[in-house]
C-alpha cells in the first residue's frame, strides 16, 4: 500500500500546486495543467480567470488526496483499497466541478473564435463562390 499512498501524495502535490498557482494567477498558459478549454486558451485573461475560479476546488482535491494517502499508509489492504477508490472518485468530481465553473467563466469573457478562410459560413472553401454576391450583368 506504500506505492498507492505515494501515488496519492504525488497527485495531491499536483492538485495543490495547480490550485495555488491558479489562485494567484501564476499558472502559465498551457494545454496540460489547469483549465485548458478552447475558450480558456484563446486569451491569457480567460485562462487566468478560469484557473482562478477552479483553484479552490483544486486545493480541496489536493488536501483530500493527501489525507487519503495518510489513511492508506495506516490502513489494512481492504480498507486502503476502499479509501483509495473513494478518495479518487471524490477528488475527480471535485476537480471536475471546479473545471466546469472555470470553463463557463472563460467562455463568458474570452474573445470570439476567429473564423477560417471562407468566413465559416459556407462550410468549405469549395462553396466560396456561392456565398459571394453575384456580379452585376449590367454594363458600367
N, C-alpha and C. Protein backbone atom coordinates (compact mmCIF):
# COMPACT_ATOMS: atom_id res chain seq x y z
N UNK A 1 0.81 -1.20 0.00
CA UNK A 1 0.00 0.00 0.00
C UNK A 1 0.86 1.27 0.00
N UNK A 2 2.14 1.09 0.22
CA UNK A 2 3.05 2.24 0.21
C UNK A 2 3.06 2.91 -1.16
N UNK A 3 3.06 2.12 -2.22
CA UNK A 3 3.08 2.68 -3.58
C UNK A 3 1.80 3.46 -3.85
N UNK A 4 0.67 2.95 -3.39
CA UNK A 4 -0.61 3.64 -3.58
C UNK A 4 -0.61 4.96 -2.81
N UNK A 5 -0.08 4.95 -1.59
CA UNK A 5 -0.01 6.18 -0.80
C UNK A 5 0.88 7.21 -1.48
N UNK A 6 2.01 6.77 -2.02
CA UNK A 6 2.92 7.69 -2.72
C UNK A 6 2.22 8.28 -3.94
N UNK A 7 1.49 7.44 -4.66
CA UNK A 7 0.74 7.93 -5.82
C UNK A 7 -0.28 9.00 -5.41
N UNK A 8 -0.99 8.75 -4.32
CA UNK A 8 -1.95 9.75 -3.84
C UNK A 8 -1.25 11.04 -3.42
N UNK A 9 -0.08 10.94 -2.80
CA UNK A 9 0.67 12.13 -2.41
C UNK A 9 1.15 12.92 -3.63
N UNK A 10 1.58 12.24 -4.67
CA UNK A 10 2.03 12.91 -5.89
C UNK A 10 0.85 13.63 -6.55
N UNK A 11 -0.30 12.95 -6.64
CA UNK A 11 -1.49 13.59 -7.20
C UNK A 11 -1.91 14.78 -6.35
N UNK A 12 -1.79 14.65 -5.04
CA UNK A 12 -2.13 15.76 -4.14
C UNK A 12 -1.22 16.95 -4.39
N UNK A 13 0.06 16.68 -4.57
CA UNK A 13 1.02 17.76 -4.83
C UNK A 13 0.70 18.48 -6.13
N UNK A 14 0.35 17.72 -7.17
CA UNK A 14 -0.01 18.33 -8.46
C UNK A 14 -1.26 19.19 -8.30
N UNK A 15 -2.28 18.66 -7.64
CA UNK A 15 -3.54 19.41 -7.46
C UNK A 15 -3.33 20.66 -6.61
N UNK A 16 -2.58 20.53 -5.53
CA UNK A 16 -2.31 21.69 -4.67
C UNK A 16 -1.51 22.76 -5.40
N UNK A 17 -0.48 22.34 -6.11
CA UNK A 17 0.35 23.30 -6.85
C UNK A 17 -0.46 24.01 -7.93
N UNK A 18 -1.25 23.24 -8.66
CA UNK A 18 -2.11 23.84 -9.69
C UNK A 18 -3.09 24.83 -9.07
N UNK A 19 -3.68 24.45 -7.95
CA UNK A 19 -4.65 25.32 -7.28
C UNK A 19 -4.02 26.61 -6.78
N UNK A 20 -2.88 26.50 -6.13
CA UNK A 20 -2.23 27.69 -5.58
C UNK A 20 -1.75 28.61 -6.70
N UNK A 21 -1.10 28.04 -7.72
CA UNK A 21 -0.65 28.86 -8.84
C UNK A 21 -1.83 29.49 -9.58
N UNK A 22 -2.90 28.73 -9.76
CA UNK A 22 -4.09 29.26 -10.41
C UNK A 22 -4.73 30.38 -9.62
N UNK A 23 -4.78 30.21 -8.29
CA UNK A 23 -5.41 31.23 -7.45
C UNK A 23 -4.66 32.56 -7.52
N UNK A 24 -3.35 32.50 -7.57
CA UNK A 24 -2.55 33.73 -7.62
C UNK A 24 -2.28 34.20 -9.05
N UNK A 25 -2.84 33.52 -10.04
CA UNK A 25 -2.67 33.93 -11.43
C UNK A 25 -1.28 33.67 -11.96
N UNK A 26 -0.55 32.74 -11.37
CA UNK A 26 0.82 32.46 -11.76
C UNK A 26 0.96 31.18 -12.59
N UNK A 27 -0.16 30.51 -12.86
CA UNK A 27 -0.11 29.29 -13.67
C UNK A 27 0.11 29.69 -15.12
N UNK A 28 1.19 29.23 -15.73
CA UNK A 28 1.45 29.63 -17.12
C UNK A 28 0.44 28.98 -18.07
N UNK A 29 0.07 29.71 -19.11
CA UNK A 29 -0.87 29.18 -20.09
C UNK A 29 -0.30 27.94 -20.75
N UNK A 30 -1.03 26.84 -20.68
CA UNK A 30 -0.56 25.59 -21.25
C UNK A 30 -1.74 24.70 -21.57
N UNK A 31 -1.49 23.60 -22.26
CA UNK A 31 -2.53 22.66 -22.67
C UNK A 31 -2.59 21.43 -21.78
N UNK A 32 -1.86 21.40 -20.67
CA UNK A 32 -1.75 20.17 -19.90
C UNK A 32 -2.26 20.29 -18.47
N UNK A 33 -2.00 21.39 -17.80
CA UNK A 33 -2.36 21.53 -16.40
C UNK A 33 -3.28 22.73 -16.23
N UNK A 34 -4.31 22.55 -15.42
CA UNK A 34 -5.28 23.61 -15.18
C UNK A 34 -6.44 23.50 -16.15
N UNK A 35 -7.27 24.53 -16.16
CA UNK A 35 -8.40 24.57 -17.09
C UNK A 35 -7.85 24.96 -18.44
N UNK A 36 -7.95 24.08 -19.41
CA UNK A 36 -7.38 24.35 -20.73
C UNK A 36 -8.40 24.05 -21.83
N UNK A 37 -9.58 24.64 -21.68
CA UNK A 37 -10.59 24.52 -22.72
C UNK A 37 -10.22 25.43 -23.89
N UNK A 38 -10.95 25.29 -24.98
CA UNK A 38 -10.69 26.13 -26.15
C UNK A 38 -10.85 27.61 -25.82
N UNK A 39 -11.88 27.95 -25.06
CA UNK A 39 -12.11 29.35 -24.70
C UNK A 39 -11.02 29.86 -23.76
N UNK A 40 -10.58 29.04 -22.82
CA UNK A 40 -9.55 29.46 -21.88
C UNK A 40 -8.21 29.68 -22.57
N UNK A 41 -7.93 28.91 -23.59
CA UNK A 41 -6.66 29.04 -24.30
C UNK A 41 -6.66 30.16 -25.34
N UNK A 42 -7.83 30.71 -25.62
CA UNK A 42 -7.94 31.77 -26.62
C UNK A 42 -7.33 33.08 -26.14
N UNK A 43 -7.31 33.29 -24.82
CA UNK A 43 -6.91 34.58 -24.27
C UNK A 43 -6.25 34.35 -22.92
N UNK A 44 -5.19 35.09 -22.62
CA UNK A 44 -4.48 34.94 -21.34
C UNK A 44 -5.37 35.32 -20.16
N UNK A 45 -6.19 36.35 -20.32
CA UNK A 45 -7.09 36.75 -19.24
C UNK A 45 -8.12 35.67 -18.97
N UNK A 46 -8.65 35.06 -20.01
CA UNK A 46 -9.62 33.99 -19.83
C UNK A 46 -8.98 32.79 -19.14
N UNK A 47 -7.74 32.47 -19.49
CA UNK A 47 -7.03 31.36 -18.86
C UNK A 47 -6.83 31.62 -17.37
N UNK A 48 -6.37 32.81 -17.04
CA UNK A 48 -6.15 33.15 -15.63
C UNK A 48 -7.45 33.15 -14.84
N UNK A 49 -8.50 33.70 -15.43
CA UNK A 49 -9.79 33.74 -14.74
C UNK A 49 -10.33 32.34 -14.52
N UNK A 50 -10.27 31.50 -15.54
CA UNK A 50 -10.77 30.13 -15.41
C UNK A 50 -10.03 29.38 -14.32
N UNK A 51 -8.72 29.53 -14.27
CA UNK A 51 -7.94 28.81 -13.27
C UNK A 51 -8.06 29.42 -11.89
N UNK A 52 -8.33 30.70 -11.82
CA UNK A 52 -8.57 31.32 -10.52
C UNK A 52 -9.90 30.84 -9.93
N UNK A 53 -10.89 30.65 -10.77
CA UNK A 53 -12.17 30.15 -10.30
C UNK A 53 -12.09 28.67 -9.92
N UNK A 54 -11.30 27.90 -10.66
CA UNK A 54 -11.15 26.47 -10.38
C UNK A 54 -10.18 26.19 -9.23
N UNK A 55 -9.41 27.16 -8.80
CA UNK A 55 -8.37 26.96 -7.81
C UNK A 55 -8.88 26.40 -6.47
N UNK A 56 -9.95 26.92 -5.89
CA UNK A 56 -10.38 26.37 -4.59
C UNK A 56 -10.71 24.88 -4.64
N UNK A 57 -11.35 24.43 -5.70
CA UNK A 57 -11.67 23.01 -5.78
C UNK A 57 -10.41 22.17 -6.01
N UNK A 58 -9.43 22.75 -6.67
CA UNK A 58 -8.17 22.04 -6.86
C UNK A 58 -7.44 21.88 -5.53
N UNK A 59 -7.45 22.91 -4.72
CA UNK A 59 -6.81 22.85 -3.41
C UNK A 59 -7.53 21.84 -2.51
N UNK A 60 -8.86 21.87 -2.54
CA UNK A 60 -9.63 20.91 -1.73
C UNK A 60 -9.35 19.48 -2.19
N UNK A 61 -9.29 19.28 -3.49
CA UNK A 61 -8.97 17.94 -4.02
C UNK A 61 -7.58 17.50 -3.59
N UNK A 62 -6.63 18.41 -3.63
CA UNK A 62 -5.27 18.09 -3.18
C UNK A 62 -5.22 17.71 -1.72
N UNK A 63 -5.94 18.46 -0.90
CA UNK A 63 -5.99 18.14 0.53
C UNK A 63 -6.65 16.79 0.77
N UNK A 64 -7.71 16.51 0.03
CA UNK A 64 -8.39 15.23 0.15
C UNK A 64 -7.48 14.07 -0.28
N UNK A 65 -6.76 14.25 -1.36
CA UNK A 65 -5.84 13.21 -1.82
C UNK A 65 -4.71 12.98 -0.81
N UNK A 66 -4.20 14.05 -0.21
CA UNK A 66 -3.15 13.91 0.80
C UNK A 66 -3.69 13.19 2.04
N UNK A 67 -4.89 13.54 2.47
CA UNK A 67 -5.49 12.86 3.62
C UNK A 67 -5.73 11.39 3.30
N UNK A 68 -6.17 11.12 2.09
CA UNK A 68 -6.35 9.73 1.67
C UNK A 68 -5.05 8.97 1.68
N UNK A 69 -3.98 9.61 1.27
CA UNK A 69 -2.67 8.97 1.31
C UNK A 69 -2.25 8.63 2.73
N UNK A 70 -2.53 9.51 3.67
CA UNK A 70 -2.20 9.23 5.07
C UNK A 70 -3.02 8.06 5.61
N UNK A 71 -4.30 8.02 5.26
CA UNK A 71 -5.16 6.92 5.71
C UNK A 71 -4.68 5.61 5.10
N UNK A 72 -4.32 5.62 3.83
CA UNK A 72 -3.86 4.40 3.17
C UNK A 72 -2.58 3.87 3.82
N UNK A 73 -1.71 4.75 4.28
CA UNK A 73 -0.49 4.31 4.96
C UNK A 73 -0.80 3.52 6.23
N UNK A 74 -1.85 3.91 6.94
CA UNK A 74 -2.18 3.29 8.22
C UNK A 74 -3.22 2.18 8.11
N UNK A 75 -3.84 2.02 6.97
CA UNK A 75 -4.96 1.10 6.83
C UNK A 75 -4.53 -0.30 6.41
N UNK A 76 -5.45 -1.23 6.60
CA UNK A 76 -5.24 -2.58 6.09
C UNK A 76 -5.45 -2.56 4.58
N UNK A 77 -5.19 -3.67 3.93
CA UNK A 77 -5.26 -3.72 2.47
C UNK A 77 -6.66 -3.41 1.95
N UNK A 78 -7.68 -4.06 2.49
CA UNK A 78 -9.04 -3.84 2.00
C UNK A 78 -9.50 -2.41 2.27
N UNK A 79 -9.24 -1.93 3.47
CA UNK A 79 -9.63 -0.55 3.80
C UNK A 79 -8.86 0.44 2.93
N UNK A 80 -7.58 0.15 2.70
CA UNK A 80 -6.78 1.03 1.85
C UNK A 80 -7.30 1.11 0.44
N UNK A 81 -7.72 -0.02 -0.10
CA UNK A 81 -8.28 -0.02 -1.45
C UNK A 81 -9.58 0.76 -1.50
N UNK A 82 -10.44 0.55 -0.52
CA UNK A 82 -11.72 1.28 -0.49
C UNK A 82 -11.51 2.78 -0.33
N UNK A 83 -10.58 3.15 0.54
CA UNK A 83 -10.28 4.57 0.74
C UNK A 83 -9.69 5.17 -0.53
N UNK A 84 -8.80 4.47 -1.18
CA UNK A 84 -8.18 4.96 -2.41
C UNK A 84 -9.22 5.21 -3.49
N UNK A 85 -10.09 4.24 -3.70
CA UNK A 85 -11.13 4.40 -4.72
C UNK A 85 -12.05 5.56 -4.37
N UNK A 86 -12.48 5.61 -3.11
CA UNK A 86 -13.38 6.70 -2.69
C UNK A 86 -12.75 8.07 -2.84
N UNK A 87 -11.50 8.19 -2.41
CA UNK A 87 -10.80 9.47 -2.49
C UNK A 87 -10.60 9.89 -3.95
N UNK A 88 -10.22 8.95 -4.79
CA UNK A 88 -10.02 9.29 -6.20
C UNK A 88 -11.31 9.73 -6.87
N UNK A 89 -12.41 9.05 -6.58
CA UNK A 89 -13.70 9.42 -7.19
C UNK A 89 -14.14 10.81 -6.71
N UNK A 90 -14.06 11.04 -5.40
CA UNK A 90 -14.49 12.34 -4.87
C UNK A 90 -13.59 13.46 -5.38
N UNK A 91 -12.28 13.23 -5.42
CA UNK A 91 -11.35 14.25 -5.91
C UNK A 91 -11.61 14.54 -7.38
N UNK A 92 -11.89 13.50 -8.16
CA UNK A 92 -12.16 13.70 -9.59
C UNK A 92 -13.42 14.54 -9.79
N UNK A 93 -14.48 14.24 -9.06
CA UNK A 93 -15.71 15.03 -9.20
C UNK A 93 -15.51 16.46 -8.70
N UNK A 94 -14.72 16.63 -7.65
CA UNK A 94 -14.45 17.98 -7.13
C UNK A 94 -13.66 18.79 -8.16
N UNK A 95 -12.63 18.18 -8.72
CA UNK A 95 -11.86 18.86 -9.77
C UNK A 95 -12.74 19.18 -10.98
N UNK A 96 -13.60 18.25 -11.34
CA UNK A 96 -14.49 18.46 -12.48
C UNK A 96 -15.45 19.62 -12.27
N UNK A 97 -15.96 19.73 -11.05
CA UNK A 97 -16.88 20.84 -10.75
C UNK A 97 -16.16 22.18 -10.87
N UNK A 98 -14.95 22.26 -10.36
CA UNK A 98 -14.18 23.50 -10.47
C UNK A 98 -13.80 23.81 -11.90
N UNK A 99 -13.40 22.78 -12.64
CA UNK A 99 -13.04 22.99 -14.05
C UNK A 99 -14.25 23.43 -14.86
N UNK A 100 -15.41 22.88 -14.56
CA UNK A 100 -16.63 23.28 -15.26
C UNK A 100 -16.96 24.74 -14.98
N UNK A 101 -16.86 25.15 -13.73
CA UNK A 101 -17.12 26.55 -13.39
C UNK A 101 -16.10 27.48 -14.06
N UNK A 102 -14.84 27.06 -14.07
CA UNK A 102 -13.81 27.86 -14.73
C UNK A 102 -14.01 27.94 -16.23
N UNK A 103 -14.43 26.84 -16.83
CA UNK A 103 -14.66 26.82 -18.28
C UNK A 103 -15.82 27.74 -18.65
N UNK A 104 -16.87 27.75 -17.84
CA UNK A 104 -18.00 28.65 -18.12
C UNK A 104 -17.57 30.11 -17.99
N UNK A 105 -16.75 30.41 -17.01
CA UNK A 105 -16.26 31.78 -16.85
C UNK A 105 -15.37 32.18 -18.02
N UNK A 106 -14.52 31.27 -18.47
CA UNK A 106 -13.65 31.58 -19.61
C UNK A 106 -14.47 31.81 -20.87
N UNK A 107 -15.50 31.01 -21.07
CA UNK A 107 -16.36 31.17 -22.25
C UNK A 107 -17.06 32.53 -22.24
N UNK A 108 -17.39 33.01 -21.05
CA UNK A 108 -18.10 34.29 -20.95
C UNK A 108 -17.21 35.48 -21.27
N UNK A 109 -15.91 35.38 -21.00
CA UNK A 109 -15.05 36.56 -21.18
C UNK A 109 -14.07 36.42 -22.34
N UNK A 110 -13.91 35.23 -22.89
CA UNK A 110 -12.95 35.04 -23.98
C UNK A 110 -13.44 35.72 -25.25
N UNK A 111 -12.52 36.23 -26.05
CA UNK A 111 -12.93 36.81 -27.32
C UNK A 111 -13.51 35.72 -28.23
N UNK A 112 -14.38 36.09 -29.15
CA UNK A 112 -14.95 35.07 -30.04
C UNK A 112 -13.86 34.42 -30.89
N UNK A 113 -14.06 33.16 -31.26
CA UNK A 113 -13.04 32.50 -32.07
C UNK A 113 -12.95 33.12 -33.46
N UNK A 114 -11.74 33.08 -34.00
CA UNK A 114 -11.53 33.62 -35.34
C UNK A 114 -12.12 32.65 -36.35
N UNK A 115 -12.71 33.20 -37.39
CA UNK A 115 -13.28 32.34 -38.42
C UNK A 115 -12.21 32.02 -39.46
N UNK A 116 -12.42 30.94 -40.17
CA UNK A 116 -11.44 30.46 -41.14
C UNK A 116 -11.47 31.24 -42.44
N UNK A 117 -10.82 30.70 -43.45
CA UNK A 117 -10.62 31.35 -44.73
C UNK A 117 -11.87 31.84 -45.43
N UNK A 118 -12.95 31.09 -45.39
CA UNK A 118 -14.16 31.49 -46.12
C UNK A 118 -15.17 32.18 -45.21
N UNK A 119 -14.78 32.53 -44.04
CA UNK A 119 -15.70 33.19 -43.13
C UNK A 119 -16.50 32.22 -42.29
N UNK A 120 -16.35 30.95 -42.52
CA UNK A 120 -17.01 29.94 -41.72
C UNK A 120 -18.48 29.78 -42.00
N UNK A 121 -19.04 30.55 -42.94
CA UNK A 121 -20.48 30.47 -43.17
C UNK A 121 -20.86 29.49 -44.25
N UNK A 122 -19.95 29.08 -45.08
CA UNK A 122 -20.28 28.21 -46.21
C UNK A 122 -20.01 26.75 -45.93
N UNK A 123 -19.23 26.44 -44.94
CA UNK A 123 -18.92 25.07 -44.64
C UNK A 123 -17.70 24.55 -45.38
N UNK A 124 -17.18 25.27 -46.31
CA UNK A 124 -15.99 24.82 -47.03
C UNK A 124 -15.60 25.82 -48.10
N UNK A 125 -14.35 25.86 -48.43
CA UNK A 125 -13.87 26.82 -49.41
C UNK A 125 -14.36 26.51 -50.82
N UNK A 126 -14.76 25.28 -51.09
CA UNK A 126 -15.27 24.95 -52.42
C UNK A 126 -16.60 25.65 -52.70
N UNK A 127 -17.25 26.12 -51.66
CA UNK A 127 -18.53 26.81 -51.83
C UNK A 127 -18.40 28.32 -51.74
N UNK A 128 -17.18 28.82 -51.76
CA UNK A 128 -16.95 30.25 -51.57
C UNK A 128 -17.70 31.10 -52.59
N UNK A 129 -17.69 30.69 -53.86
CA UNK A 129 -18.35 31.48 -54.90
C UNK A 129 -19.85 31.54 -54.71
N UNK A 130 -20.45 30.55 -54.11
CA UNK A 130 -21.91 30.59 -53.89
C UNK A 130 -22.28 31.53 -52.76
N UNK A 131 -21.35 31.84 -51.91
CA UNK A 131 -21.63 32.74 -50.80
C UNK A 131 -21.47 34.21 -51.19
N UNK A 132 -20.65 34.47 -52.20
CA UNK A 132 -20.42 35.84 -52.60
C UNK A 132 -21.56 36.34 -53.45
N UNK A 133 -21.85 37.61 -53.37
CA UNK A 133 -22.93 38.16 -54.21
C UNK A 133 -22.58 38.02 -55.69
N UNK A 134 -23.59 37.79 -56.49
CA UNK A 134 -23.39 37.64 -57.94
C UNK A 134 -22.96 38.96 -58.54
N UNK A 135 -22.06 38.89 -59.53
CA UNK A 135 -21.60 40.09 -60.22
C UNK A 135 -22.74 40.65 -61.04
N UNK A 136 -22.83 41.94 -61.09
CA UNK A 136 -23.90 42.59 -61.85
C UNK A 136 -23.70 42.38 -63.36
N UNK A 137 -24.75 42.05 -64.08
CA UNK A 137 -24.63 41.82 -65.51
C UNK A 137 -24.91 43.09 -66.32
N UNK A 138 -25.16 44.20 -65.65
CA UNK A 138 -25.41 45.45 -66.36
C UNK A 138 -24.09 46.13 -66.67
N UNK A 139 -23.97 46.71 -67.85
CA UNK A 139 -22.72 47.41 -68.20
C UNK A 139 -22.52 48.64 -67.32
N UNK A 140 -21.29 48.96 -67.12
CA UNK A 140 -20.97 50.11 -66.27
C UNK A 140 -20.88 51.38 -67.03
